[in-house]
Amino acid sequence: MEDFMEIKNLKYFLAVAREENMSRAAEQLHVSQPTLSKTLKALEEEAVYQAQLQYFTQ
């Protein structure tokens, strides 16, 4: 299930990048804009965590 969630999060990120607009991306994905924002915030936090983890475990 975790892999599915990661793929979904990346699809959300790509939709926002393509649309260059959060509301249009949410509409295209058939999700609410707050849901999309929350998902992208979690994705960002995970990316920062992974980067810090990699940096400090070198």
Protein backbone atom coordinates (compact mmCIF):
# COMPACT_ATOMS: atom_id res chain seq x y z
CA MET A 1 0.00 0.00 0.00
CA GLU A 2 2.90 2.34 0.73
CA ASP A 3 4.16 2.12 -2.88
CA PHE A 4 0.71 3.10 -4.11
CA MET A 5 0.73 6.15 -1.87
CA GLU A 6 4.16 7.20 -3.11
CA ILE A 7 3.08 6.88 -6.75
CA LYS A 8 -0.09 8.85 -6.04
CA ASN A 9 1.94 11.60 -4.37
CA LEU A 10 4.27 11.84 -7.35
CA LYS A 11 1.29 12.00 -9.71
CA TYR A 12 -0.07 14.90 -7.66
CA PHE A 13 3.29 16.67 -7.81
CA LEU A 14 3.50 16.20 -11.59
CA ALA A 15 -0.04 17.50 -12.09
CA VAL A 16 0.77 20.70 -10.20
CA ALA A 17 4.01 21.12 -12.15
CA ARG A 18 2.19 20.63 -15.47
CA GLU A 19 -0.74 22.88 -14.65
CA GLU A 20 1.37 25.48 -12.82
CA ASN A 21 -1.74 26.05 -10.74
CA MET A 22 -2.85 24.22 -7.63
CA SER A 23 -6.60 24.66 -8.19
CA ARG A 24 -6.50 23.44 -11.80
CA ALA A 25 -4.35 20.47 -10.80
CA ALA A 26 -6.80 19.57 -8.03
CA GLU A 27 -9.69 19.78 -10.49
CA GLN A 28 -7.82 17.58 -12.99
CA LEU A 29 -7.05 15.02 -10.28
CA HIS A 30 -10.62 15.11 -8.90
CA VAL A 31 -9.46 16.01 -5.39
CA SER A 32 -10.00 19.08 -3.25
CA GLN A 33 -7.35 21.78 -3.26
CA PRO A 34 -6.73 21.40 0.51
CA THR A 35 -6.18 17.65 0.03
CA LEU A 36 -3.69 18.34 -2.74
CA SER A 37 -1.87 20.95 -0.64
CA LYS A 38 -1.67 18.60 2.35
CA THR A 39 -0.33 15.78 0.18
CA LEU A 40 2.34 17.98 -1.38
CA LYS A 41 3.37 19.32 2.04
CA ALA A 42 3.83 15.75 3.27
CA LEU A 43 5.82 14.90 0.15
CA GLU A 44 8.05 17.92 0.71
CA GLU A 45 8.62 17.02 4.36
CA GLU A 46 9.54 13.44 3.40
CA ALA A 47 11.99 14.69 0.76
CA VAL A 48 13.66 17.03 3.25
CA TYR A 49 13.83 14.24 5.84
CA GLN A 50 15.41 11.84 3.35
CA ALA A 51 17.94 14.47 2.26
CA GLN A 52 18.91 15.21 5.86
CA LEU A 53 19.12 11.51 6.68
CA GLN A 54 21.42 10.93 3.73
CA TYR A 55 23.58 13.95 4.62
CA PHE A 56 24.03 12.98 8.26
CA THR A 57 24.70 9.30 7.61
CA GLN A 58 27.54 9.85 5.17
